[in-house]
Amino acid sequence: MDRRRVSSGSPYEPLIGFSRAVRVGDRVLVAGTAPVWPDGEVDPDVGAQARRCLEIIRDALEEAGASLEDVVRTRTYLLDPADGEAVGRVHGSVFGDVRPASTMIVVAGLLDRRWRVEIEAEAELG
């Protein structure tokens, strides 16, 4: 089966050895996505961070030939359980009618201290 890699230009991709997304057949897997702007900045607001994560995921899906409507699963990693409601509202505004299987996980830390949320997604085409 053909394997297509999508890069977002993250400096971590070559360093760690990963792709933003990989498409294999009708399946697209999007790696854990942090809320980083192209200039490296990170908004301190957790809702804005969630929106940024989902924008990067949307762009990766589109480059792989998929869309947010094709998403069947998301995983959201939070530093603080109190952020779950704000992040959930953003997730719901993006995936309201799609309603993928979704999990929120509270973790001890993320790679960058500024990140309060990281999101990954899986999509199925056809």
PDB file of N, CA and C in Angstrom:
ATOM      1  N   MET A   1       0.837  -1.172   0.000  1.00  0.00           N
ATOM      2  CA  MET A   1       0.000   0.000   0.000  1.00  0.00           C
ATOM      3  C   MET A   1       0.887   1.242   0.000  1.00  0.00           C
ATOM      4  N   ASP A   2       0.477   2.267  -0.742  1.00  0.00           N
ATOM      5  CA  ASP A   2       1.232   3.514  -0.784  1.00  0.00           C
ATOM      6  C   ASP A   2       1.188   4.230   0.557  1.00  0.00           C
ATOM      7  N   ARG A   3       2.285   4.850   0.890  1.00  0.00           N
ATOM      8  CA  ARG A   3       2.395   5.614   2.129  1.00  0.00           C
ATOM      9  C   ARG A   3       2.788   7.034   1.744  1.00  0.00           C
ATOM     10  N   ARG A   4       1.947   7.990   2.132  1.00  0.00           N
ATOM     11  CA  ARG A   4       2.202   9.386   1.800  1.00  0.00           C
ATOM     12  C   ARG A   4       2.409  10.175   3.088  1.00  0.00           C
ATOM     13  N   ARG A   5       3.519  10.887   3.167  1.00  0.00           N
ATOM     14  CA  ARG A   5       3.820  11.679   4.353  1.00  0.00           C
ATOM     15  C   ARG A   5       3.508  13.146   4.111  1.00  0.00           C
ATOM     16  N   VAL A   6       3.012  13.803   5.148  1.00  0.00           N
ATOM     17  CA  VAL A   6       2.702  15.228   5.106  1.00  0.00           C
ATOM     18  C   VAL A   6       3.555  15.914   6.165  1.00  0.00           C
ATOM     19  N   SER A   7       4.224  16.988   5.777  1.00  0.00           N
ATOM     20  CA  SER A   7       5.029  17.767   6.705  1.00  0.00           C
ATOM     21  C   SER A   7       4.357  19.106   6.957  1.00  0.00           C
ATOM     22  N   SER A   8       4.457  19.587   8.191  1.00  0.00           N
ATOM     23  CA  SER A   8       3.938  20.926   8.490  1.00  0.00           C
ATOM     24  C   SER A   8       5.079  21.921   8.629  1.00  0.00           C
ATOM     25  N   GLY A   9       6.304  21.444   8.497  1.00  0.00           N
ATOM     26  CA  GLY A   9       7.454  22.320   8.648  1.00  0.00           C
ATOM     27  C   GLY A   9       7.919  22.474  10.083  1.00  0.00           C
ATOM     28  N   SER A  10       7.347  21.698  10.995  1.00  0.00           N
ATOM     29  CA  SER A  10       7.761  21.763  12.390  1.00  0.00           C
ATOM     30  C   SER A  10       9.243  21.419  12.509  1.00  0.00           C
ATOM     31  N   PRO A  11       9.993  22.182  13.306  1.00  0.00           N
ATOM     32  CA  PRO A  11      11.412  21.851  13.479  1.00  0.00           C
ATOM     33  C   PRO A  11      11.615  20.506  14.181  1.00  0.00           C
ATOM     34  N   TYR A  12      10.562  20.003  14.832  1.00  0.00           N
ATOM     35  CA  TYR A  12      10.676  18.717  15.520  1.00  0.00           C
ATOM     36  C   TYR A  12      10.597  17.526  14.554  1.00  0.00           C
ATOM     37  N   GLU A  13      10.018  17.728  13.372  1.00  0.00           N
ATOM     38  CA  GLU A  13       9.831  16.605  12.448  1.00  0.00           C
ATOM     39  C   GLU A  13      11.146  15.916  12.087  1.00  0.00           C
ATOM     40  N   PRO A  14      12.155  16.634  11.562  1.00  0.00           N
ATOM     41  CA  PRO A  14      13.406  15.940  11.242  1.00  0.00           C
ATOM     42  C   PRO A  14      14.194  15.540  12.487  1.00  0.00           C
ATOM     43  N   LEU A  15      14.096  16.332  13.542  1.00  0.00           N
ATOM     44  CA  LEU A  15      14.829  16.050  14.769  1.00  0.00           C
ATOM     45  C   LEU A  15      14.369  14.744  15.409  1.00  0.00           C
ATOM     46  N   ILE A  16      13.045  14.589  15.522  1.00  0.00           N
ATOM     47  CA  ILE A  16      12.477  13.403  16.167  1.00  0.00           C
ATOM     48  C   ILE A  16      12.264  12.278  15.153  1.00  0.00           C
ATOM     49  N   GLY A  17      12.087  12.647  13.887  1.00  0.00           N
ATOM     50  CA  GLY A  17      11.857  11.642  12.852  1.00  0.00           C
ATOM     51  C   GLY A  17      10.401  11.256  12.736  1.00  0.00           C
ATOM     52  N   PHE A  18       9.516  12.244  12.582  1.00  0.00           N
ATOM     53  CA  PHE A  18       8.100  11.954  12.420  1.00  0.00           C
ATOM     54  C   PHE A  18       7.510  12.844  11.344  1.00  0.00           C
ATOM     55  N   SER A  19       6.311  12.500  10.909  1.00  0.00           N
ATOM     56  CA  SER A  19       5.559  13.296   9.947  1.00  0.00           C
ATOM     57  C   SER A  19       4.356  13.889  10.657  1.00  0.00           C
ATOM     58  N   ARG A  20       3.925  15.071  10.223  1.00  0.00           N
ATOM     59  CA  ARG A  20       2.705  15.662  10.772  1.00  0.00           C
ATOM     60  C   ARG A  20       1.532  14.714  10.550  1.00  0.00           C
ATOM     61  N   ALA A  21       1.494  14.121   9.350  1.00  0.00           N
ATOM     62  CA  ALA A  21       0.436  13.157   9.044  1.00  0.00           C
ATOM     63  C   ALA A  21       0.987  12.114   8.092  1.00  0.00           C
ATOM     64  N   VAL A  22       0.362  10.957   8.125  1.00  0.00           N
ATOM     65  CA  VAL A  22       0.698   9.880   7.196  1.00  0.00           C
ATOM     66  C   VAL A  22      -0.620   9.344   6.647  1.00  0.00           C
ATOM     67  N   ARG A  23      -0.664   9.227   5.308  1.00  0.00           N
ATOM     68  CA  ARG A  23      -1.831   8.608   4.674  1.00  0.00           C
ATOM     69  C   ARG A  23      -1.413   7.254   4.132  1.00  0.00           C
ATOM     70  N   VAL A  24      -2.139   6.234   4.540  1.00  0.00           N
ATOM     71  CA  VAL A  24      -1.943   4.879   4.049  1.00  0.00           C
ATOM     72  C   VAL A  24      -3.311   4.411   3.570  1.00  0.00           C
ATOM     73  N   GLY A  25      -3.452   4.248   2.253  1.00  0.00           N
ATOM     74  CA  GLY A  25      -4.757   3.883   1.709  1.00  0.00           C
ATOM     75  C   GLY A  25      -5.776   4.962   2.029  1.00  0.00           C
ATOM     76  N   ASP A  26      -6.884   4.565   2.631  1.00  0.00           N
ATOM     77  CA  ASP A  26      -7.952   5.501   2.974  1.00  0.00           C
ATOM     78  C   ASP A  26      -7.861   6.009   4.405  1.00  0.00           C
ATOM     79  N   ARG A  27      -6.740   5.755   5.058  1.00  0.00           N
ATOM     80  CA  ARG A  27      -6.575   6.160   6.459  1.00  0.00           C
ATOM     81  C   ARG A  27      -5.537   7.271   6.559  1.00  0.00           C
ATOM     82  N   VAL A  28      -5.872   8.310   7.336  1.00  0.00           N
ATOM     83  CA  VAL A  28      -4.937   9.404   7.574  1.00  0.00           C
ATOM     84  C   VAL A  28      -4.758   9.544   9.084  1.00  0.00           C
ATOM     85  N   LEU A  29      -3.513   9.460   9.513  1.00  0.00           N
ATOM     86  CA  LEU A  29      -3.171   9.605  10.933  1.00  0.00           C
ATOM     87  C   LEU A  29      -2.413  10.907  11.105  1.00  0.00           C
ATOM     88  N   VAL A  30      -2.917  11.760  11.993  1.00  0.00           N
ATOM     89  CA  VAL A  30      -2.259  13.043  12.258  1.00  0.00           C
ATOM     90  C   VAL A  30      -1.607  12.975  13.633  1.00  0.00           C
ATOM     91  N   ALA A  31      -0.325  13.246  13.665  1.00  0.00           N
ATOM     92  CA  ALA A  31       0.456  13.180  14.903  1.00  0.00           C
ATOM     93  C   ALA A  31      -0.032  14.188  15.927  1.00  0.00           C
ATOM     94  N   GLY A  32       0.380  13.986  17.162  1.00  0.00           N
ATOM     95  CA  GLY A  32       0.100  14.968  18.204  1.00  0.00           C
ATOM     96  C   GLY A  32       0.520  16.342  17.711  1.00  0.00           C
ATOM     97  N   THR A  33      -0.410  17.295  17.795  1.00  0.00           N
ATOM     98  CA  THR A  33      -0.225  18.605  17.186  1.00  0.00           C
ATOM     99  C   THR A  33      -0.263  19.683  18.264  1.00  0.00           C
ATOM    100  N   ALA A  34       0.803  20.444  18.340  1.00  0.00           N
ATOM    101  CA  ALA A  34       0.932  21.486  19.350  1.00  0.00           C
ATOM    102  C   ALA A  34       0.453  22.832  18.795  1.00  0.00           C
ATOM    103  N   PRO A  35       0.139  23.775  19.683  1.00  0.00           N
ATOM    104  CA  PRO A  35      -0.450  25.053  19.289  1.00  0.00           C
ATOM    105  C   PRO A  35       0.565  26.129  18.920  1.00  0.00           C
ATOM    106  N   VAL A  36       1.411  25.839  17.964  1.00  0.00           N
ATOM    107  CA  VAL A  36       2.495  26.745  17.627  1.00  0.00           C
ATOM    108  C   VAL A  36       2.193  27.474  16.311  1.00  0.00           C
ATOM    109  N   TRP A  37       2.393  28.780  16.322  1.00  0.00           N
ATOM    110  CA  TRP A  37       2.249  29.580  15.105  1.00  0.00           C
ATOM    111  C   TRP A  37       3.535  29.477  14.291  1.00  0.00           C
ATOM    112  N   PRO A  38       3.498  29.821  12.992  1.00  0.00           N
ATOM    113  CA  PRO A  38       4.705  29.709  12.157  1.00  0.00           C
ATOM    114  C   PRO A  38       5.917  30.462  12.712  1.00  0.00           C
ATOM    115  N   ASP A  39       5.681  31.547  13.447  1.00  0.00           N
ATOM    116  CA  ASP A  39       6.808  32.305  14.004  1.00  0.00           C
ATOM    117  C   ASP A  39       7.305  31.739  15.333  1.00  0.00           C
ATOM    118  N   GLY A  40       6.714  30.600  15.758  1.00  0.00           N
ATOM    119  CA  GLY A  40       7.136  29.963  16.993  1.00  0.00           C
ATOM    120  C   GLY A  40       6.369  30.414  18.222  1.00  0.00           C
ATOM    121  N   GLU A  41       5.519  31.401  18.075  1.00  0.00           N
ATOM    122  CA  GLU A  41       4.744  31.912  19.208  1.00  0.00           C
ATOM    123  C   GLU A  41       3.650  30.938  19.617  1.00  0.00           C
ATOM    124  N   VAL A  42       3.234  31.032  20.875  1.00  0.00           N
ATOM    125  CA  VAL A  42       2.168  30.214  21.434  1.00  0.00           C
ATOM    126  C   VAL A  42       1.258  31.139  22.237  1.00  0.00           C
ATOM    127  N   ASP A  43      -0.026  31.168  21.885  1.00  0.00           N
ATOM    128  CA  ASP A  43      -1.001  31.972  22.622  1.00  0.00           C
ATOM    129  C   ASP A  43      -1.185  31.340  23.998  1.00  0.00           C
ATOM    130  N   PRO A  44      -1.188  32.118  25.076  1.00  0.00           N
ATOM    131  CA  PRO A  44      -1.358  31.529  26.405  1.00  0.00           C
ATOM    132  C   PRO A  44      -2.781  31.032  26.689  1.00  0.00           C
ATOM    133  N   ASP A  45      -3.775  31.480  25.911  1.00  0.00           N
ATOM    134  CA  ASP A  45      -5.163  31.071  26.126  1.00  0.00           C
ATOM    135  C   ASP A  45      -5.387  29.648  25.630  1.00  0.00           C
ATOM    136  N   VAL A  46      -5.895  28.768  26.488  1.00  0.00           N
ATOM    137  CA  VAL A  46      -6.040  27.353  26.120  1.00  0.00           C
ATOM    138  C   VAL A  46      -7.055  27.163  24.983  1.00  0.00           C
ATOM    139  N   GLY A  47      -8.107  27.980  24.926  1.00  0.00           N
ATOM    140  CA  GLY A  47      -9.050  27.878  23.814  1.00  0.00           C
ATOM    141  C   GLY A  47      -8.390  28.229  22.488  1.00  0.00           C
ATOM    142  N   ALA A  48      -7.588  29.290  22.498  1.00  0.00           N
ATOM    143  CA  ALA A  48      -6.844  29.674  21.295  1.00  0.00           C
ATOM    144  C   ALA A  48      -5.845  28.584  20.920  1.00  0.00           C
ATOM    145  N   GLN A  49      -5.234  27.959  21.920  1.00  0.00           N
ATOM    146  CA  GLN A  49      -4.311  26.865  21.637  1.00  0.00           C
ATOM    147  C   GLN A  49      -5.036  25.699  20.972  1.00  0.00           C
ATOM    148  N   ALA A  50      -6.203  25.345  21.472  1.00  0.00           N
ATOM    149  CA  ALA A  50      -6.969  24.246  20.870  1.00  0.00           C
ATOM    150  C   ALA A  50      -7.350  24.582  19.433  1.00  0.00           C
ATOM    151  N   ARG A  51      -7.789  25.818  19.190  1.00  0.00           N
ATOM    152  CA  ARG A  51      -8.127  26.226  17.816  1.00  0.00           C
ATOM    153  C   ARG A  51      -6.918  26.110  16.902  1.00  0.00           C
ATOM    154  N   ARG A  52      -5.747  26.535  17.397  1.00  0.00           N
ATOM    155  CA  ARG A  52      -4.533  26.455  16.575  1.00  0.00           C
ATOM    156  C   ARG A  52      -4.178  25.004  16.264  1.00  0.00           C
ATOM    157  N   CYS A  53      -4.262  24.137  17.252  1.00  0.00           N
ATOM    158  CA  CYS A  53      -4.003  22.711  17.014  1.00  0.00           C
ATOM    159  C   CYS A  53      -4.910  22.184  15.906  1.00  0.00           C
ATOM    160  N   LEU A  54      -6.182  22.518  15.992  1.00  0.00           N
ATOM    161  CA  LEU A  54      -7.150  21.996  15.017  1.00  0.00           C
ATOM    162  C   LEU A  54      -6.967  22.623  13.639  1.00  0.00           C
ATOM    163  N   GLU A  55      -6.479  23.851  13.572  1.00  0.00           N
ATOM    164  CA  GLU A  55      -6.160  24.457  12.267  1.00  0.00           C
ATOM    165  C   GLU A  55      -5.006  23.700  11.600  1.00  0.00           C
ATOM    166  N   ILE A  56      -3.987  23.381  12.373  1.00  0.00           N
ATOM    167  CA  ILE A  56      -2.839  22.644  11.829  1.00  0.00           C
ATOM    168  C   ILE A  56      -3.291  21.254  11.394  1.00  0.00           C
ATOM    169  N   ILE A  57      -4.130  20.612  12.190  1.00  0.00           N
ATOM    170  CA  ILE A  57      -4.671  19.296  11.833  1.00  0.00           C
ATOM    171  C   ILE A  57      -5.489  19.392  10.553  1.00  0.00           C
ATOM    172  N   ARG A  58      -6.358  20.399  10.452  1.00  0.00           N
ATOM    173  CA  ARG A  58      -7.157  20.591   9.233  1.00  0.00           C
ATOM    174  C   ARG A  58      -6.266  20.718   8.003  1.00  0.00           C
ATOM    175  N   ASP A  59      -5.220  21.542   8.102  1.00  0.00           N
ATOM    176  CA  ASP A  59      -4.320  21.740   6.964  1.00  0.00           C
ATOM    177  C   ASP A  59      -3.613  20.443   6.575  1.00  0.00           C
ATOM    178  N   ALA A  60      -3.189  19.660   7.565  1.00  0.00           N
ATOM    179  CA  ALA A  60      -2.519  18.388   7.279  1.00  0.00           C
ATOM    180  C   ALA A  60      -3.483  17.408   6.623  1.00  0.00           C
ATOM    181  N   LEU A  61      -4.712  17.356   7.128  1.00  0.00           N
ATOM    182  CA  LEU A  61      -5.721  16.477   6.526  1.00  0.00           C
ATOM    183  C   LEU A  61      -5.961  16.859   5.069  1.00  0.00           C
ATOM    184  N   GLU A  62      -6.119  18.155   4.814  1.00  0.00           N
ATOM    185  CA  GLU A  62      -6.376  18.610   3.446  1.00  0.00           C
ATOM    186  C   GLU A  62      -5.221  18.266   2.523  1.00  0.00           C
ATOM    187  N   GLU A  63      -3.997  18.426   3.000  1.00  0.00           N
ATOM    188  CA  GLU A  63      -2.837  18.073   2.170  1.00  0.00           C
ATOM    189  C   GLU A  63      -2.808  16.583   1.869  1.00  0.00           C
ATOM    190  N   ALA A  64      -3.362  15.779   2.773  1.00  0.00           N
ATOM    191  CA  ALA A  64      -3.415  14.324   2.576  1.00  0.00           C
ATOM    192  C   ALA A  64      -4.663  13.889   1.817  1.00  0.00           C
ATOM    193  N   GLY A  65      -5.506  14.849   1.407  1.00  0.00           N
ATOM    194  CA  GLY A  65      -6.706  14.515   0.646  1.00  0.00           C
ATOM    195  C   GLY A  65      -7.916  14.195   1.490  1.00  0.00           C
ATOM    196  N   ALA A  66      -7.910  14.623   2.750  1.00  0.00           N
ATOM    197  CA  ALA A  66      -9.028  14.368   3.667  1.00  0.00           C
ATOM    198  C   ALA A  66      -9.538  15.708   4.190  1.00  0.00           C
ATOM    199  N   SER A  67     -10.514  15.644   5.079  1.00  0.00           N
ATOM    200  CA  SER A  67     -11.065  16.860   5.678  1.00  0.00           C
ATOM    201  C   SER A  67     -11.441  16.579   7.129  1.00  0.00           C
ATOM    202  N   LEU A  68     -11.801  17.613   7.843  1.00  0.00           N
ATOM    203  CA  LEU A  68     -12.257  17.446   9.216  1.00  0.00           C
ATOM    204  C   LEU A  68     -13.489  16.547   9.287  1.00  0.00           C
ATOM    205  N   GLU A  69     -14.309  16.548   8.246  1.00  0.00           N
ATOM    206  CA  GLU A  69     -15.512  15.705   8.215  1.00  0.00           C
ATOM    207  C   GLU A  69     -15.179  14.223   8.154  1.00  0.00           C
ATOM    208  N   ASP A  70     -13.941  13.886   7.766  1.00  0.00           N
ATOM    209  CA  ASP A  70     -13.516  12.490   7.676  1.00  0.00           C
ATOM    210  C   ASP A  70     -12.923  11.964   8.989  1.00  0.00           C
ATOM    211  N   VAL A  71     -12.784  12.824   9.980  1.00  0.00           N
ATOM    212  CA  VAL A  71     -12.149  12.431  11.245  1.00  0.00           C
ATOM    213  C   VAL A  71     -13.056  11.468  12.009  1.00  0.00           C
ATOM    214  N   VAL A  72     -12.474  10.357  12.444  1.00  0.00           N
ATOM    215  CA  VAL A  72     -13.223   9.349  13.209  1.00  0.00           C
ATOM    216  C   VAL A  72     -12.740   9.251  14.651  1.00  0.00           C
ATOM    217  N   ARG A  73     -11.570   9.804  14.965  1.00  0.00           N
ATOM    218  CA  ARG A  73     -11.063   9.755  16.337  1.00  0.00           C
ATOM    219  C   ARG A  73     -10.153  10.939  16.598  1.00  0.00           C
ATOM    220  N   THR A  74     -10.275  11.499  17.794  1.00  0.00           N
ATOM    221  CA  THR A  74      -9.313  12.491  18.269  1.00  0.00           C
ATOM    222  C   THR A  74      -8.853  12.102  19.671  1.00  0.00           C
ATOM    223  N   ARG A  75      -7.639  12.514  19.978  1.00  0.00           N
ATOM    224  CA  ARG A  75      -7.113  12.371  21.336  1.00  0.00           C
ATOM    225  C   ARG A  75      -6.568  13.733  21.728  1.00  0.00           C
ATOM    226  N   THR A  76      -6.975  14.195  22.895  1.00  0.00           N
ATOM    227  CA  THR A  76      -6.559  15.498  23.376  1.00  0.00           C
ATOM    228  C   THR A  76      -5.793  15.310  24.678  1.00  0.00           C
ATOM    229  N   TYR A  77      -4.610  15.886  24.731  1.00  0.00           N
ATOM    230  CA  TYR A  77      -3.759  15.811  25.910  1.00  0.00           C
ATOM    231  C   TYR A  77      -3.775  17.171  26.595  1.00  0.00           C
ATOM    232  N   LEU A  78      -4.153  17.188  27.860  1.00  0.00           N
ATOM    233  CA  LEU A  78      -4.250  18.420  28.636  1.00  0.00           C
ATOM    234  C   LEU A  78      -3.285  18.374  29.816  1.00  0.00           C
ATOM    235  N   LEU A  79      -2.770  19.530  30.188  1.00  0.00           N
ATOM    236  CA  LEU A  79      -1.970  19.610  31.406  1.00  0.00           C
ATOM    237  C   LEU A  79      -2.856  19.773  32.631  1.00  0.00           C
ATOM    238  N   ASP A  80      -3.975  20.451  32.468  1.00  0.00           N
ATOM    239  CA  ASP A  80      -4.834  20.780  33.603  1.00  0.00           C
ATOM    240  C   ASP A  80      -6.262  20.336  33.295  1.00  0.00           C
ATOM    241  N   PRO A  81      -6.848  19.484  34.134  1.00  0.00           N
ATOM    242  CA  PRO A  81      -8.215  19.045  33.880  1.00  0.00           C
ATOM    243  C   PRO A  81      -9.216  20.205  33.838  1.00  0.00           C
ATOM    244  N   ALA A  82      -8.887  21.321  34.483  1.00  0.00           N
ATOM    245  CA  ALA A  82      -9.769  22.484  34.454  1.00  0.00           C
ATOM    246  C   ALA A  82      -9.884  23.078  33.046  1.00  0.00           C
ATOM    247  N   ASP A  83      -8.938  22.773  32.158  1.00  0.00           N
ATOM    248  CA  ASP A  83      -8.984  23.263  30.778  1.00  0.00           C
ATOM    249  C   ASP A  83      -9.909  22.433  29.891  1.00  0.00           C
ATOM    250  N   GLY A  84     -10.393  21.307  30.396  1.00  0.00           N
ATOM    251  CA  GLY A  84     -11.214  20.408  29.590  1.00  0.00           C
ATOM    252  C   GLY A  84     -12.452  21.061  29.012  1.00  0.00           C
ATOM    253  N   GLU A  85     -13.117  21.892  29.772  1.00  0.00           N
ATOM    254  CA  GLU A  85     -14.342  22.525  29.279  1.00  0.00           C
ATOM    255  C   GLU A  85     -14.057  23.479  28.122  1.00  0.00           C
ATOM    256  N   ALA A  86     -13.055  24.338  28.267  1.00  0.00           N
ATOM    257  CA  ALA A  86     -12.723  25.292  27.201  1.00  0.00           C
ATOM    258  C   ALA A  86     -12.264  24.573  25.939  1.00  0.00           C
ATOM    259  N   VAL A  87     -11.422  23.573  26.109  1.00  0.00           N
ATOM    260  CA  VAL A  87     -10.932  22.812  24.954  1.00  0.00           C
ATOM    261  C   VAL A  87     -12.087  22.024  24.335  1.00  0.00           C
ATOM    262  N   GLY A  88     -12.936  21.459  25.173  1.00  0.00           N
ATOM    263  CA  GLY A  88     -14.096  20.723  24.674  1.00  0.00           C
ATOM    264  C   GLY A  88     -15.029  21.598  23.855  1.00  0.00           C
ATOM    265  N   ARG A  89     -15.214  22.841  24.269  1.00  0.00           N
ATOM    266  CA  ARG A  89     -16.070  23.766  23.494  1.00  0.00           C
ATOM    267  C   ARG A  89     -15.488  24.001  22.105  1.00  0.00           C
ATOM    268  N   VAL A  90     -14.183  24.194  22.034  1.00  0.00           N
ATOM    269  CA  VAL A  90     -13.539  24.401  20.727  1.00  0.00           C
ATOM    270  C   VAL A  90     -13.672  23.135  19.884  1.00  0.00           C
ATOM    271  N   HIS A  91     -13.397  21.988  20.473  1.00  0.00           N
ATOM    272  CA  HIS A  91     -13.522  20.709  19.770  1.00  0.00           C
ATOM    273  C   HIS A  91     -14.948  20.554  19.245  1.00  0.00           C
ATOM    274  N   GLY A  92     -15.935  20.857  20.084  1.00  0.00           N
ATOM    275  CA  GLY A  92     -17.332  20.747  19.681  1.00  0.00           C
ATOM    276  C   GLY A  92     -17.710  21.703  18.571  1.00  0.00           C
ATOM    277  N   SER A  93     -17.117  22.900  18.562  1.00  0.00           N
ATOM    278  CA  SER A  93     -17.435  23.857  17.495  1.00  0.00           C
ATOM    279  C   SER A  93     -16.882  23.393  16.151  1.00  0.00           C
ATOM    280  N   VAL A  94     -15.792  22.635  16.188  1.00  0.00           N
ATOM    281  CA  VAL A  94     -15.188  22.127  14.958  1.00  0.00           C
ATOM    282  C   VAL A  94     -15.835  20.810  14.517  1.00  0.00           C
ATOM    283  N   PHE A  95     -16.117  19.923  15.472  1.00  0.00           N
ATOM    284  CA  PHE A  95     -16.574  18.572  15.154  1.00  0.00           C
ATOM    285  C   PHE A  95     -18.024  18.305  15.553  1.00  0.00           C
ATOM    286  N   GLY A  96     -18.810  19.347  15.795  1.00  0.00           N
ATOM    287  CA  GLY A  96     -20.172  19.173  16.296  1.00  0.00           C
ATOM    288  C   GLY A  96     -21.002  18.126  15.576  1.00  0.00           C
ATOM    289  N   ASP A  97     -21.090  18.193  14.258  1.00  0.00           N
ATOM    290  CA  ASP A  97     -21.891  17.230  13.500  1.00  0.00           C
ATOM    291  C   ASP A  97     -21.122  15.966  13.144  1.00  0.00           C
ATOM    292  N   VAL A  98     -19.802  16.034  13.170  1.00  0.00           N
ATOM    293  CA  VAL A  98     -18.965  14.882  12.835  1.00  0.00           C
ATOM    294  C   VAL A  98     -18.950  13.898  14.006  1.00  0.00           C
ATOM    295  N   ARG A  99     -18.779  14.445  15.189  1.00  0.00           N
ATOM    296  CA  ARG A  99     -18.777  13.687  16.449  1.00  0.00           C
ATOM    297  C   ARG A  99     -17.891  12.438  16.409  1.00  0.00           C
ATOM    298  N   PRO A 100     -16.579  12.638  16.216  1.00  0.00           N
ATOM    299  CA  PRO A 100     -15.667  11.488  16.226  1.00  0.00           C
ATOM    300  C   PRO A 100     -15.557  10.894  17.626  1.00  0.00           C
ATOM    301  N   ALA A 101     -15.109   9.668  17.699  1.00  0.00           N
ATOM    302  CA  ALA A 101     -14.731   9.105  18.991  1.00  0.00           C
ATOM    303  C   ALA A 101     -13.620  10.006  19.524  1.00  0.00           C
ATOM    304  N   SER A 102     -13.696  10.357  20.798  1.00  0.00           N
ATOM    305  CA  SER A 102     -12.750  11.341  21.310  1.00  0.00           C
ATOM    306  C   SER A 102     -12.381  11.031  22.754  1.00  0.00           C
ATOM    307  N   THR A 103     -11.126  11.243  23.077  1.00  0.00           N
ATOM    308  CA  THR A 103     -10.631  11.017  24.422  1.00  0.00           C
ATOM    309  C   THR A 103      -9.843  12.233  24.874  1.00  0.00           C
ATOM    310  N   MET A 104     -10.047  12.657  26.119  1.00  0.00           N
ATOM    311  CA  MET A 104      -9.215  13.697  26.735  1.00  0.00           C
ATOM    312  C   MET A 104      -8.404  13.032  27.835  1.00  0.00           C
ATOM    313  N   ILE A 105      -7.109  13.299  27.816  1.00  0.00           N
ATOM    314  CA  ILE A 105      -6.192  12.687  28.757  1.00  0.00           C
ATOM    315  C   ILE A 105      -5.411  13.793  29.466  1.00  0.00           C
ATOM    316  N   VAL A 106      -5.315  13.731  30.762  1.00  0.00           N
ATOM    317  CA  VAL A 106      -4.505  14.688  31.515  1.00  0.00           C
ATOM    318  C   VAL A 106      -3.122  14.064  31.694  1.00  0.00           C
ATOM    319  N   VAL A 107      -2.109  14.833  31.310  1.00  0.00           N
ATOM    320  CA  VAL A 107      -0.733  14.346  31.359  1.00  0.00           C
ATOM    321  C   VAL A 107       0.108  15.225  32.284  1.00  0.00           C
ATOM    322  N   ALA A 108       1.252  14.722  32.690  1.00  0.00           N
ATOM    323  CA  ALA A 108       2.133  15.460  33.593  1.00  0.00           C
ATOM    324  C   ALA A 108       2.856  16.603  32.897  1.00  0.00           C
ATOM    325  N   GLY A 109       3.044  16.495  31.585  1.00  0.00           N
ATOM    326  CA  GLY A 109       3.755  17.545  30.875  1.00  0.00           C
ATOM    327  C   GLY A 109       3.739  17.311  29.383  1.00  0.00           C
ATOM    328  N   LEU A 110       4.006  18.378  28.635  1.00  0.00           N
ATOM    329  CA  LEU A 110       4.149  18.321  27.182  1.00  0.00           C
ATOM    330  C   LEU A 110       5.552  18.822  26.850  1.00  0.00           C
ATOM    331  N   LEU A 111       5.960  18.696  25.608  1.00  0.00           N
ATOM    332  CA  LEU A 111       7.339  18.974  25.217  1.00  0.00           C
ATOM    333  C   LEU A 111       7.774  20.417  25.486  1.00  0.00           C
ATOM    334  N   ASP A 112       6.861  21.367  25.389  1.00  0.00           N
ATOM    335  CA  ASP A 112       7.170  22.781  25.585  1.00  0.00           C
ATOM    336  C   ASP A 112       6.302  23.295  26.742  1.00  0.00           C
ATOM    337  N   ARG A 113       6.889  24.013  27.680  1.00  0.00           N
ATOM    338  CA  ARG A 113       6.156  24.500  28.854  1.00  0.00           C
ATOM    339  C   ARG A 113       4.992  25.418  28.501  1.00  0.00           C
ATOM    340  N   ARG A 114       5.030  26.062  27.333  1.00  0.00           N
ATOM    341  CA  ARG A 114       3.960  26.982  26.939  1.00  0.00           C
ATOM    342  C   ARG A 114       2.706  26.251  26.483  1.00  0.00           C
ATOM    343  N   TRP A 115       2.861  25.014  26.061  1.00  0.00           N
ATOM    344  CA  TRP A 115       1.718  24.263  25.545  1.00  0.00           C
ATOM    345  C   TRP A 115       0.848  23.781  26.693  1.00  0.00           C
ATOM    346  N   ARG A 116      -0.452  24.031  26.582  1.00  0.00           N
ATOM    347  CA  ARG A 116      -1.409  23.530  27.578  1.00  0.00           C
ATOM    348  C   ARG A 116      -2.248  22.406  26.999  1.00  0.00           C
ATOM    349  N   VAL A 117      -2.183  22.238  25.677  1.00  0.00           N
ATOM    350  CA  VAL A 117      -2.970  21.217  24.998  1.00  0.00           C
ATOM    351  C   VAL A 117      -2.212  20.731  23.768  1.00  0.00           C
ATOM    352  N   GLU A 118      -2.411  19.472  23.442  1.00  0.00           N
ATOM    353  CA  GLU A 118      -1.893  18.878  22.210  1.00  0.00           C
ATOM    354  C   GLU A 118      -2.980  17.922  21.729  1.00  0.00           C
ATOM    355  N   ILE A 119      -3.214  17.894  20.410  1.00  0.00           N
ATOM    356  CA  ILE A 119      -4.316  17.102  19.859  1.00  0.00           C
ATOM    357  C   ILE A 119      -3.810  16.252  18.694  1.00  0.00           C
ATOM    358  N   GLU A 120      -4.301  15.015  18.605  1.00  0.00           N
ATOM    359  CA  GLU A 120      -4.024  14.170  17.441  1.00  0.00           C
ATOM    360  C   GLU A 120      -5.352  13.707  16.855  1.00  0.00           C
ATOM    361  N   ALA A 121      -5.323  13.265  15.606  1.00  0.00           N
ATOM    362  CA  ALA A 121      -6.563  12.882  14.929  1.00  0.00           C
ATOM    363  C   ALA A 121      -6.318  11.733  13.964  1.00  0.00           C
ATOM    364  N   GLU A 122      -7.392  10.978  13.714  1.00  0.00           N
ATOM    365  CA  GLU A 122      -7.373   9.918  12.712  1.00  0.00           C
ATOM    366  C   GLU A 122      -8.601  10.113  11.816  1.00  0.00           C
ATOM    367  N   ALA A 123      -8.390   9.934  10.522  1.00  0.00           N
ATOM    368  CA  ALA A 123      -9.481  10.083   9.556  1.00  0.00           C
ATOM    369  C   ALA A 123      -9.561   8.848   8.667  1.00  0.00           C
ATOM    370  N   GLU A 124     -10.754   8.559   8.224  1.00  0.00           N
ATOM    371  CA  GLU A 124     -11.016   7.467   7.268  1.00  0.00           C
ATOM    372  C   GLU A 124     -11.762   8.050   6.074  1.00  0.00           C
ATOM    373  N   LEU A 125     -11.273   7.745   4.875  1.00  0.00           N
ATOM    374  CA  LEU A 125     -11.918   8.204   3.644  1.00  0.00           C
ATOM    375  C   LEU A 125     -12.770   7.084   3.062  1.00  0.00           C
ATOM    376  N   GLY A 126     -13.736   7.471   2.269  1.00  0.00           N
ATOM    377  CA  GLY A 126     -14.530   6.477   1.550  1.00  0.00           C
ATOM    378  C   GLY A 126     -15.604   5.805   2.338  1.00  0.00           C
TER     379      GLY A 126
END
